[in-house]
C-alpha cells in the first residue's frame, strides 16, 4: 500500500491472513462495474463467472433526521463536534452524540467515558468553552485526523483509544495518577502501567470511584485466561509431580558430575603427557 500501516482501520481476524497467504482469498480493489456474470475492478482486472456477491460493507452512519444547521460538517464532510460529542453552534448543551466515532480499540469504554463527560456538563460540574474555542479544537482534531488517516468515504473521526480516554478522564478528574498510585500501592500501579488499559482504571480515583476496582484489575489475567481456556487441568497427585521433578534434578546433577569428572581426567592426562614431553 502507498500509506502507513496504521493509517487505515486494522481488521483483527486470525483466519483471514492465512487464507490470503494460501490464495483462498484474493484482495481486490474497488468495483467499477458489475456485468451479468463478471465483475470489473477499478484497476482494470476482471473476475469472470461470479456465482454470488455478498455485501459486507457494514453501515453508513447518518443523522439526516437533524437539520444540517444544527450539526455542521467541514470541507471534508467530517462532523464538527467538540471532543467528538457536542455540536458547537448550540446556545445550550442539550444535544450530544455518543459513540459517533471510530476507535482504535473497544467502543463501549469510550461511549461510557463520553456519557460520564456529558453527565458532568448537564449537572454544571463542567462547562463548555466558547464557540470559537470549540471550533479551534475541532479544526485541530480534524487536521490531525487527516494527517494520520487515509481519506475514505467515512465521515467519522477515528480516535486513539487510550489517548482519548485519558483526555476525557483528565477533564472529569478520574484519570489514574500512576505516580500517586505508585507510592500508595506499587503492585497495582505496575499493573495499570504495564497491563491492559481497562475501563476499571478510571474508577480507581476521582468522581464515581468504585471500591471493587482494585480487585477487578488484579483479576484481569484470570478473566482473560478463563475466557480462552477450553478445559481446566488439575494434577491428580502433587506429591508424584514433586517426586519426579526431584528425580529429574538429581539425575541431571549426577550426569553433570560424570561428564565433569571425565573431562577433568582427560585434562590431567593431557598435562601429564605434556610434562613428560618437556622432561
C-alpha atoms as a PDB file:
ATOM      1  CA  UNK A   1       0.000   0.000   0.000  1.00  0.00           C
ATOM      2  CA  UNK A   2       1.015   3.603  -0.544  1.00  0.00           C
ATOM      3  CA  UNK A   3       0.213   4.605   3.035  1.00  0.00           C
ATOM      4  CA  UNK A   4       1.394   3.837   6.562  1.00  0.00           C
ATOM      5  CA  UNK A   5       0.288   0.541   8.113  1.00  0.00           C
ATOM      6  CA  UNK A   6      -1.651   2.333  10.874  1.00  0.00           C
ATOM      7  CA  UNK A   7      -3.326   4.811   8.510  1.00  0.00           C
ATOM      8  CA  UNK A   8      -6.347   2.579   7.974  1.00  0.00           C
ATOM      9  CA  UNK A   9      -8.567   0.569  10.274  1.00  0.00           C
ATOM     10  CA  UNK A  10      -6.979  -2.737  11.274  1.00  0.00           C
ATOM     11  CA  UNK A  11      -9.112  -5.866  10.910  1.00  0.00           C
ATOM     12  CA  UNK A  12      -8.332  -8.419  13.627  1.00  0.00           C
ATOM     13  CA  UNK A  13      -9.010 -11.900  12.283  1.00  0.00           C
ATOM     14  CA  UNK A  14      -6.831 -14.984  12.764  1.00  0.00           C
ATOM     15  CA  UNK A  15      -8.294 -16.870   9.803  1.00  0.00           C
ATOM     16  CA  UNK A  16      -8.212 -14.123   7.158  1.00  0.00           C
ATOM     17  CA  UNK A  17      -4.394 -13.718   6.790  1.00  0.00           C
ATOM     18  CA  UNK A  18      -3.896 -17.482   6.423  1.00  0.00           C
ATOM     19  CA  UNK A  19      -6.498 -17.699   3.671  1.00  0.00           C
ATOM     20  CA  UNK A  20      -4.970 -14.707   1.865  1.00  0.00           C
ATOM     21  CA  UNK A  21      -1.491 -16.271   2.026  1.00  0.00           C
ATOM     22  CA  UNK A  22      -2.637 -19.632   0.660  1.00  0.00           C
ATOM     23  CA  UNK A  23      -4.626 -17.959  -2.130  1.00  0.00           C
ATOM     24  CA  UNK A  24      -8.104 -18.947  -0.954  1.00  0.00           C
ATOM     25  CA  UNK A  25      -8.991 -15.235  -0.724  1.00  0.00           C
ATOM     26  CA  UNK A  26      -7.916 -12.591  -3.230  1.00  0.00           C
ATOM     27  CA  UNK A  27      -7.559  -8.980  -2.150  1.00  0.00           C
ATOM     28  CA  UNK A  28      -9.055  -6.795  -4.884  1.00  0.00           C
ATOM     29  CA  UNK A  29      -9.556  -3.096  -5.495  1.00  0.00           C
ATOM     30  CA  UNK A  30     -12.920  -1.326  -5.536  1.00  0.00           C
ATOM     31  CA  UNK A  31     -15.576  -2.475  -8.007  1.00  0.00           C
ATOM     32  CA  UNK A  32     -16.099  -0.270 -11.042  1.00  0.00           C
ATOM     33  CA  UNK A  33     -18.684  -2.294 -12.973  1.00  0.00           C
ATOM     34  CA  UNK A  34     -20.897  -5.333 -12.365  1.00  0.00           C
ATOM     35  CA  UNK A  35     -21.877  -7.222 -15.516  1.00  0.00           C
ATOM     36  CA  UNK A  36     -24.143 -10.217 -15.999  1.00  0.00           C
ATOM     37  CA  UNK A  37     -21.583 -12.778 -14.754  1.00  0.00           C
ATOM     38  CA  UNK A  38     -18.387 -10.741 -14.490  1.00  0.00           C
ATOM     39  CA  UNK A  39     -17.059  -8.045 -12.193  1.00  0.00           C
ATOM     40  CA  UNK A  40     -14.641  -5.351 -13.321  1.00  0.00           C
ATOM     41  CA  UNK A  41     -12.460  -3.539 -10.781  1.00  0.00           C
ATOM     42  CA  UNK A  42     -11.045  -0.027 -10.869  1.00  0.00           C
ATOM     43  CA  UNK A  43      -7.557  -1.357 -11.568  1.00  0.00           C
ATOM     44  CA  UNK A  44      -8.812  -2.868 -14.845  1.00  0.00           C
ATOM     45  CA  UNK A  45      -8.844  -6.522 -13.774  1.00  0.00           C
ATOM     46  CA  UNK A  46     -11.922  -8.675 -14.367  1.00  0.00           C
ATOM     47  CA  UNK A  47     -13.192 -11.694 -12.430  1.00  0.00           C
ATOM     48  CA  UNK A  48     -15.399 -13.945 -14.574  1.00  0.00           C
ATOM     49  CA  UNK A  49     -18.234 -16.354 -13.797  1.00  0.00           C
ATOM     50  CA  UNK A  50     -19.065 -14.942 -10.378  1.00  0.00           C
ATOM     51  CA  UNK A  51     -21.716 -17.007  -8.560  1.00  0.00           C
ATOM     52  CA  UNK A  52     -22.668 -14.599  -5.757  1.00  0.00           C
ATOM     53  CA  UNK A  53     -21.890 -11.183  -4.326  1.00  0.00           C
ATOM     54  CA  UNK A  54     -22.018 -10.803  -0.540  1.00  0.00           C
ATOM     55  CA  UNK A  55     -22.266  -7.228   0.687  1.00  0.00           C
ATOM     56  CA  UNK A  56     -20.276  -6.948   3.939  1.00  0.00           C
ATOM     57  CA  UNK A  57     -19.858  -3.189   3.861  1.00  0.00           C
ATOM     58  CA  UNK A  58     -21.308  -2.566   7.313  1.00  0.00           C
ATOM     59  CA  UNK A  59     -23.441   0.556   7.514  1.00  0.00           C
ATOM     60  CA  UNK A  60     -23.249   4.197   6.623  1.00  0.00           C
ATOM     61  CA  UNK A  61     -23.876   6.400   9.663  1.00  0.00           C
ATOM     62  CA  UNK A  62     -26.347   9.183   9.081  1.00  0.00           C
ATOM     63  CA  UNK A  63     -28.111  11.874  11.116  1.00  0.00           C
ATOM     64  CA  UNK A  64     -30.409  13.046   8.344  1.00  0.00           C
ATOM     65  CA  UNK A  65     -33.237  13.491  10.858  1.00  0.00           C
ATOM     66  CA  UNK A  66     -31.406  16.571  12.180  1.00  0.00           C
ATOM     67  CA  UNK A  67     -31.246  19.837  10.285  1.00  0.00           C
ATOM     68  CA  UNK A  68     -27.846  20.460   8.707  1.00  0.00           C
ATOM     69  CA  UNK A  69     -27.606  23.784  10.540  1.00  0.00           C
ATOM     70  CA  UNK A  70     -27.591  22.012  13.922  1.00  0.00           C
ATOM     71  CA  UNK A  71     -24.612  19.742  13.241  1.00  0.00           C
ATOM     72  CA  UNK A  72     -22.375  21.147  10.532  1.00  0.00           C
ATOM     73  CA  UNK A  73     -19.616  19.477   8.511  1.00  0.00           C
ATOM     74  CA  UNK A  74     -16.239  20.684   7.331  1.00  0.00           C
ATOM     75  CA  UNK A  75     -14.987  20.700   3.738  1.00  0.00           C
ATOM     76  CA  UNK A  76     -14.007  17.024   4.085  1.00  0.00           C
ATOM     77  CA  UNK A  77     -17.540  16.041   5.191  1.00  0.00           C
ATOM     78  CA  UNK A  78     -16.467  15.367   8.796  1.00  0.00           C
ATOM     79  CA  UNK A  79     -18.876  16.331  11.566  1.00  0.00           C
ATOM     80  CA  UNK A  80     -17.968  19.375  13.636  1.00  0.00           C
ATOM     81  CA  UNK A  81     -18.245  18.066  17.191  1.00  0.00           C
ATOM     82  CA  UNK A  82     -16.378  19.386  20.213  1.00  0.00           C
ATOM     83  CA  UNK A  83     -14.431  16.476  21.734  1.00  0.00           C
ATOM     84  CA  UNK A  84     -16.406  14.387  19.246  1.00  0.00           C
ATOM     85  CA  UNK A  85     -19.518  14.881  21.365  1.00  0.00           C
ATOM     86  CA  UNK A  86     -21.073  18.368  21.346  1.00  0.00           C
ATOM     87  CA  UNK A  87     -22.052  20.498  18.331  1.00  0.00           C
ATOM     88  CA  UNK A  88     -20.523  23.950  18.931  1.00  0.00           C
ATOM     89  CA  UNK A  89     -23.311  26.085  17.478  1.00  0.00           C
ATOM     90  CA  UNK A  90     -25.981  25.494  20.143  1.00  0.00           C
ATOM     91  CA  UNK A  91     -26.770  28.058  22.807  1.00  0.00           C
ATOM     92  CA  UNK A  92     -27.207  25.344  25.456  1.00  0.00           C
ATOM     93  CA  UNK A  93     -25.521  21.903  25.541  1.00  0.00           C
ATOM     94  CA  UNK A  94     -28.782  19.972  25.215  1.00  0.00           C
ATOM     95  CA  UNK A  95     -27.638  17.806  22.311  1.00  0.00           C
ATOM     96  CA  UNK A  96     -24.734  15.375  22.339  1.00  0.00           C
ATOM     97  CA  UNK A  97     -23.645  12.379  20.291  1.00  0.00           C
ATOM     98  CA  UNK A  98     -22.320   9.232  21.984  1.00  0.00           C
ATOM     99  CA  UNK A  99     -20.318   6.617  20.113  1.00  0.00           C
ATOM    100  CA  UNK A 100     -20.368   8.528  16.836  1.00  0.00           C
ATOM    101  CA  UNK A 101     -16.731   7.750  16.135  1.00  0.00           C
ATOM    102  CA  UNK A 102     -14.312   5.039  15.125  1.00  0.00           C
ATOM    103  CA  UNK A 103     -11.945   3.874  17.835  1.00  0.00           C
ATOM    104  CA  UNK A 104      -8.602   2.110  17.701  1.00  0.00           C
ATOM    105  CA  UNK A 105      -9.881  -0.258  20.373  1.00  0.00           C
ATOM    106  CA  UNK A 106     -13.179  -1.253  22.033  1.00  0.00           C
ATOM    107  CA  UNK A 107     -16.104   1.134  21.559  1.00  0.00           C
ATOM    108  CA  UNK A 108     -18.057   0.661  24.798  1.00  0.00           C
ATOM    109  CA  UNK A 109     -15.407   2.080  27.190  1.00  0.00           C
ATOM    110  CA  UNK A 110     -15.244   5.197  25.011  1.00  0.00           C
ATOM    111  CA  UNK A 111     -19.040   5.539  24.994  1.00  0.00           C
ATOM    112  CA  UNK A 112     -19.070   5.147  28.780  1.00  0.00           C
ATOM    113  CA  UNK A 113     -16.472   7.897  29.218  1.00  0.00           C
ATOM    114  CA  UNK A 114     -18.360  10.169  26.831  1.00  0.00           C
ATOM    115  CA  UNK A 115     -21.532   9.582  28.865  1.00  0.00           C
ATOM    116  CA  UNK A 116     -19.712  10.481  32.083  1.00  0.00           C
ATOM    117  CA  UNK A 117     -18.453  13.679  30.472  1.00  0.00           C
ATOM    118  CA  UNK A 118     -21.941  14.591  29.235  1.00  0.00           C
ATOM    119  CA  UNK A 119     -23.372  13.979  32.705  1.00  0.00           C
ATOM    120  CA  UNK A 120     -20.875  16.417  34.227  1.00  0.00           C
ATOM    121  CA  UNK A 121     -21.814  19.025  31.636  1.00  0.00           C
ATOM    122  CA  UNK A 122     -25.557  18.610  32.237  1.00  0.00           C
ATOM    123  CA  UNK A 123     -25.062  18.814  36.015  1.00  0.00           C
ATOM    124  CA  UNK A 124     -22.989  22.018  35.620  1.00  0.00           C
ATOM    125  CA  UNK A 125     -19.959  20.356  37.185  1.00  0.00           C
ATOM    126  CA  UNK A 126     -18.138  21.200  33.962  1.00  0.00           C
ATOM    127  CA  UNK A 127     -18.821  23.807  31.316  1.00  0.00           C
ATOM    128  CA  UNK A 128     -18.120  24.040  27.623  1.00  0.00           C
ATOM    129  CA  UNK A 129     -15.719  26.711  26.353  1.00  0.00           C
ATOM    130  CA  UNK A 130     -16.724  29.464  23.975  1.00  0.00           C
ATOM    131  CA  UNK A 131     -17.870  28.633  20.462  1.00  0.00           C
ATOM    132  CA  UNK A 132     -14.620  29.913  18.953  1.00  0.00           C
ATOM    133  CA  UNK A 133     -12.526  27.763  21.303  1.00  0.00           C
ATOM    134  CA  UNK A 134     -14.627  24.728  20.461  1.00  0.00           C
ATOM    135  CA  UNK A 135     -14.182  25.352  16.723  1.00  0.00           C
ATOM    136  CA  UNK A 136     -10.425  25.701  17.211  1.00  0.00           C
ATOM    137  CA  UNK A 137     -10.359  22.339  18.983  1.00  0.00           C
ATOM    138  CA  UNK A 138     -12.449  20.756  16.223  1.00  0.00           C
ATOM    139  CA  UNK A 139     -10.201  22.095  13.463  1.00  0.00           C
ATOM    140  CA  UNK A 140      -7.089  20.865  15.252  1.00  0.00           C
ATOM    141  CA  UNK A 141      -8.603  17.396  15.718  1.00  0.00           C
ATOM    142  CA  UNK A 142      -9.713  17.213  12.082  1.00  0.00           C
ATOM    143  CA  UNK A 143      -6.287  18.329  10.885  1.00  0.00           C
ATOM    144  CA  UNK A 144      -4.560  15.636  12.949  1.00  0.00           C
ATOM    145  CA  UNK A 145      -7.049  13.061  11.665  1.00  0.00           C
ATOM    146  CA  UNK A 146      -6.424  13.936   8.015  1.00  0.00           C
ATOM    147  CA  UNK A 147      -2.686  13.764   8.570  1.00  0.00           C
ATOM    148  CA  UNK A 148      -2.754  10.336  10.219  1.00  0.00           C
ATOM    149  CA  UNK A 149      -5.577   8.547   8.411  1.00  0.00           C
ATOM    150  CA  UNK A 150      -6.035   7.753   4.731  1.00  0.00           C
ATOM    151  CA  UNK A 151      -9.012   9.639   3.278  1.00  0.00           C
ATOM    152  CA  UNK A 152     -12.018   7.373   2.749  1.00  0.00           C
ATOM    153  CA  UNK A 153     -15.721   7.791   2.223  1.00  0.00           C
ATOM    154  CA  UNK A 154     -16.207   7.606   6.003  1.00  0.00           C
ATOM    155  CA  UNK A 155     -17.027  10.941   7.587  1.00  0.00           C
ATOM    156  CA  UNK A 156     -16.292   9.912  11.174  1.00  0.00           C
ATOM    157  CA  UNK A 157     -13.149  10.856  13.052  1.00  0.00           C
ATOM    158  CA  UNK A 158     -11.036   7.927  14.248  1.00  0.00           C
ATOM    159  CA  UNK A 159      -9.897   8.206  17.845  1.00  0.00           C
ATOM    160  CA  UNK A 160      -6.889   6.736  19.600  1.00  0.00           C
ATOM    161  CA  UNK A 161      -8.320   4.606  22.389  1.00  0.00           C
ATOM    162  CA  UNK A 162      -6.053   5.394  25.353  1.00  0.00           C
ATOM    163  CA  UNK A 163      -5.287   9.000  24.369  1.00  0.00           C
ATOM    164  CA  UNK A 164      -8.976   9.882  24.019  1.00  0.00           C
ATOM    165  CA  UNK A 165      -9.963   8.168  27.276  1.00  0.00           C
ATOM    166  CA  UNK A 166      -7.157  10.000  29.103  1.00  0.00           C
ATOM    167  CA  UNK A 167      -8.269  13.278  27.558  1.00  0.00           C
ATOM    168  CA  UNK A 168     -11.841  12.995  28.839  1.00  0.00           C
ATOM    169  CA  UNK A 169     -10.772  11.437  32.148  1.00  0.00           C
ATOM    170  CA  UNK A 170      -8.395  14.347  32.813  1.00  0.00           C
ATOM    171  CA  UNK A 171     -11.255  16.811  32.372  1.00  0.00           C
ATOM    172  CA  UNK A 172     -13.608  14.756  34.552  1.00  0.00           C
ATOM    173  CA  UNK A 173     -10.929  14.177  37.181  1.00  0.00           C
ATOM    174  CA  UNK A 174     -10.931  10.376  37.088  1.00  0.00           C
ATOM    175  CA  UNK A 175      -7.649   9.738  35.276  1.00  0.00           C
ATOM    176  CA  UNK A 176      -5.449   7.327  37.175  1.00  0.00           C
ATOM    177  CA  UNK A 177      -2.420   9.097  38.655  1.00  0.00           C
ATOM    178  CA  UNK A 178       0.272   6.432  38.264  1.00  0.00           C
ATOM    179  CA  UNK A 179       2.870   8.330  40.331  1.00  0.00           C
ATOM    180  CA  UNK A 180       0.483   8.796  43.242  1.00  0.00           C
ATOM    181  CA  UNK A 181      -0.658   5.183  42.956  1.00  0.00           C
ATOM    182  CA  UNK A 182       2.972   4.010  42.927  1.00  0.00           C
ATOM    183  CA  UNK A 183       3.512   5.291  46.478  1.00  0.00           C
ATOM    184  CA  UNK A 184       0.151   4.056  47.705  1.00  0.00           C
ATOM    185  CA  UNK A 185       0.020   0.637  46.002  1.00  0.00           C
ATOM    186  CA  UNK A 186       3.110  -0.216  43.910  1.00  0.00           C
ATOM    187  CA  UNK A 187       1.761  -3.547  42.682  1.00  0.00           C
ATOM    188  CA  UNK A 188      -1.463  -2.014  41.426  1.00  0.00           C
ATOM    189  CA  UNK A 189       0.445   0.878  39.811  1.00  0.00           C
ATOM    190  CA  UNK A 190       2.641  -1.545  37.856  1.00  0.00           C
ATOM    191  CA  UNK A 191      -0.397  -3.476  36.651  1.00  0.00           C
ATOM    192  CA  UNK A 192      -2.082  -0.278  35.487  1.00  0.00           C
ATOM    193  CA  UNK A 193       1.049   0.938  33.692  1.00  0.00           C
ATOM    194  CA  UNK A 194       2.251  -2.294  32.095  1.00  0.00           C
ATOM    195  CA  UNK A 195      -1.035  -4.205  31.937  1.00  0.00           C
ATOM    196  CA  UNK A 196      -4.039  -3.755  29.622  1.00  0.00           C
ATOM    197  CA  UNK A 197      -5.846  -0.421  29.703  1.00  0.00           C
ATOM    198  CA  UNK A 198      -9.260  -1.400  31.039  1.00  0.00           C
ATOM    199  CA  UNK A 199     -12.149   0.960  31.910  1.00  0.00           C
ATOM    200  CA  UNK A 200     -11.774  -0.055  35.551  1.00  0.00           C
ATOM    201  CA  UNK A 201      -8.621   2.072  35.827  1.00  0.00           C
ATOM    202  CA  UNK A 202     -10.830   5.147  35.511  1.00  0.00           C
ATOM    203  CA  UNK A 203     -12.783   4.050  38.596  1.00  0.00           C
ATOM    204  CA  UNK A 204      -9.810   3.976  40.978  1.00  0.00           C
ATOM    205  CA  UNK A 205      -9.928   7.670  41.890  1.00  0.00           C
ATOM    206  CA  UNK A 206     -11.949  10.771  41.231  1.00  0.00           C
ATOM    207  CA  UNK A 207     -15.739  11.036  40.947  1.00  0.00           C
ATOM    208  CA  UNK A 208     -17.737   7.807  40.873  1.00  0.00           C
ATOM    209  CA  UNK A 209     -14.802   5.736  42.102  1.00  0.00           C
ATOM    210  CA  UNK A 210     -15.574   2.048  42.616  1.00  0.00           C
ATOM    211  CA  UNK A 211     -14.474   0.102  45.694  1.00  0.00           C
ATOM    212  CA  UNK A 212     -14.015  -3.142  43.734  1.00  0.00           C
ATOM    213  CA  UNK A 213     -11.890  -1.541  41.013  1.00  0.00           C
ATOM    214  CA  UNK A 214      -8.594  -2.740  42.518  1.00  0.00           C
ATOM    215  CA  UNK A 215      -9.751  -6.357  42.778  1.00  0.00           C
ATOM    216  CA  UNK A 216     -11.104  -6.255  39.234  1.00  0.00           C
ATOM    217  CA  UNK A 217      -7.756  -5.054  37.869  1.00  0.00           C
ATOM    218  CA  UNK A 218      -5.906  -7.733  39.834  1.00  0.00           C
ATOM    219  CA  UNK A 219      -8.186 -10.376  38.296  1.00  0.00           C
ATOM    220  CA  UNK A 220      -7.670  -9.198  34.698  1.00  0.00           C
ATOM    221  CA  UNK A 221      -5.302 -12.047  33.846  1.00  0.00           C
ATOM    222  CA  UNK A 222      -7.567 -14.623  35.470  1.00  0.00           C
ATOM    223  CA  UNK A 223     -10.570 -13.482  33.418  1.00  0.00           C
ATOM    224  CA  UNK A 224      -8.502 -13.397  30.227  1.00  0.00           C
ATOM    225  CA  UNK A 225      -7.149 -16.912  30.715  1.00  0.00           C
ATOM    226  CA  UNK A 226     -10.570 -18.198  31.752  1.00  0.00           C
ATOM    227  CA  UNK A 227     -12.133 -16.897  28.558  1.00  0.00           C
ATOM    228  CA  UNK A 228      -9.715 -18.770  26.277  1.00  0.00           C
ATOM    229  CA  UNK A 229      -9.173 -21.888  28.371  1.00  0.00           C
ATOM    230  CA  UNK A 230     -11.079 -24.863  26.977  1.00  0.00           C
ATOM    231  CA  UNK A 231     -10.533 -27.088  29.992  1.00  0.00           C
ATOM    232  CA  UNK A 232      -9.130 -26.848  33.474  1.00  0.00           C
ATOM    233  CA  UNK A 233      -6.300 -29.270  34.240  1.00  0.00           C
ATOM    234  CA  UNK A 234      -5.728 -30.351  37.824  1.00  0.00           C
ATOM    235  CA  UNK A 235      -2.834 -32.754  38.568  1.00  0.00           C
ATOM    236  CA  UNK A 236      -4.023 -35.962  40.247  1.00  0.00           C
ATOM    237  CA  UNK A 237      -1.184 -36.044  42.746  1.00  0.00           C
ATOM    238  CA  UNK A 238       1.068 -33.161  43.572  1.00  0.00           C
ATOM    239  CA  UNK A 239       3.341 -35.497  45.539  1.00  0.00           C
ATOM    240  CA  UNK A 240       4.162 -37.527  42.459  1.00  0.00           C
ATOM    241  CA  UNK A 241       4.938 -34.456  40.411  1.00  0.00           C
ATOM    242  CA  UNK A 242       7.394 -33.253  43.036  1.00  0.00           C
ATOM    243  CA  UNK A 243       8.897 -36.749  43.245  1.00  0.00           C
ATOM    244  CA  UNK A 244       9.540 -36.971  39.510  1.00  0.00           C
ATOM    245  CA  UNK A 245      10.864 -33.423  39.444  1.00  0.00           C
ATOM    246  CA  UNK A 246      13.301 -34.273  42.215  1.00  0.00           C
ATOM    247  CA  UNK A 247      14.437 -37.416  40.428  1.00  0.00           C
ATOM    248  CA  UNK A 248      14.994 -35.442  37.222  1.00  0.00           C
ATOM    249  CA  UNK A 249      17.047 -32.799  39.034  1.00  0.00           C
ATOM    250  CA  UNK A 250      19.175 -35.397  40.819  1.00  0.00           C
ATOM    251  CA  UNK A 251      19.698 -37.274  37.555  1.00  0.00           C
ATOM    252  CA  UNK A 252      20.824 -34.098  35.834  1.00  0.00           C
ATOM    253  CA  UNK A 253      23.280 -33.298  38.632  1.00  0.00           C
ATOM    254  CA  UNK A 254      24.678 -36.864  38.541  1.00  0.00           C
ATOM    255  CA  UNK A 255      25.171 -36.748  34.754  1.00  0.00           C
ATOM    256  CA  UNK A 256      26.858 -33.360  35.036  1.00  0.00           C
ATOM    257  CA  UNK A 257      29.184 -34.789  37.689  1.00  0.00           C
ATOM    258  CA  UNK A 258      30.156 -37.739  35.477  1.00  0.00           C
ATOM    259  CA  UNK A 259      30.818 -35.501  32.471  1.00  0.00           C
ATOM    260  CA  UNK A 260      32.879 -33.065  34.536  1.00  0.00           C
ATOM    261  CA  UNK A 261      34.848 -35.886  36.163  1.00  0.00           C
ATOM    262  CA  UNK A 262      35.639 -37.473  32.800  1.00  0.00           C
ATOM    263  CA  UNK A 263      36.608 -34.094  31.371  1.00  0.00           C
ATOM    264  CA  UNK A 264      38.975 -33.477  34.311  1.00  0.00           C
ATOM    265  CA  UNK A 265      40.587 -36.893  33.829  1.00  0.00           C
ATOM    266  CA  UNK A 266      41.293 -36.088  30.180  1.00  0.00           C
ATOM    267  CA  UNK A 267      42.809 -32.743  31.139  1.00  0.00           C
ATOM    268  CA  UNK A 268      45.037 -34.407  33.746  1.00  0.00           C
ATOM    269  CA  UNK A 269      46.258 -36.996  31.208  1.00  0.00           C
ATOM    270  CA  UNK A 270      46.918 -34.239  28.694  1.00  0.00           C
ATOM    271  CA  UNK A 271      49.006 -32.193  31.126  1.00  0.00           C
ATOM    272  CA  UNK A 272      50.883 -35.343  32.273  1.00  0.00           C
ATOM    273  CA  UNK A 273      51.879 -36.196  28.724  1.00  0.00           C
ATOM    274  CA  UNK A 274      52.879 -32.588  28.146  1.00  0.00           C
ATOM    275  CA  UNK A 275      55.139 -32.601  31.205  1.00  0.00           C
ATOM    276  CA  UNK A 276      56.720 -35.902  30.141  1.00  0.00           C
ATOM    277  CA  UNK A 277      57.460 -34.466  26.706  1.00  0.00           C
ATOM    278  CA  UNK A 278      59.181 -31.491  28.246  1.00  0.00           C
ATOM    279  CA  UNK A 279      61.297 -33.634  30.541  1.00  0.00           C
END
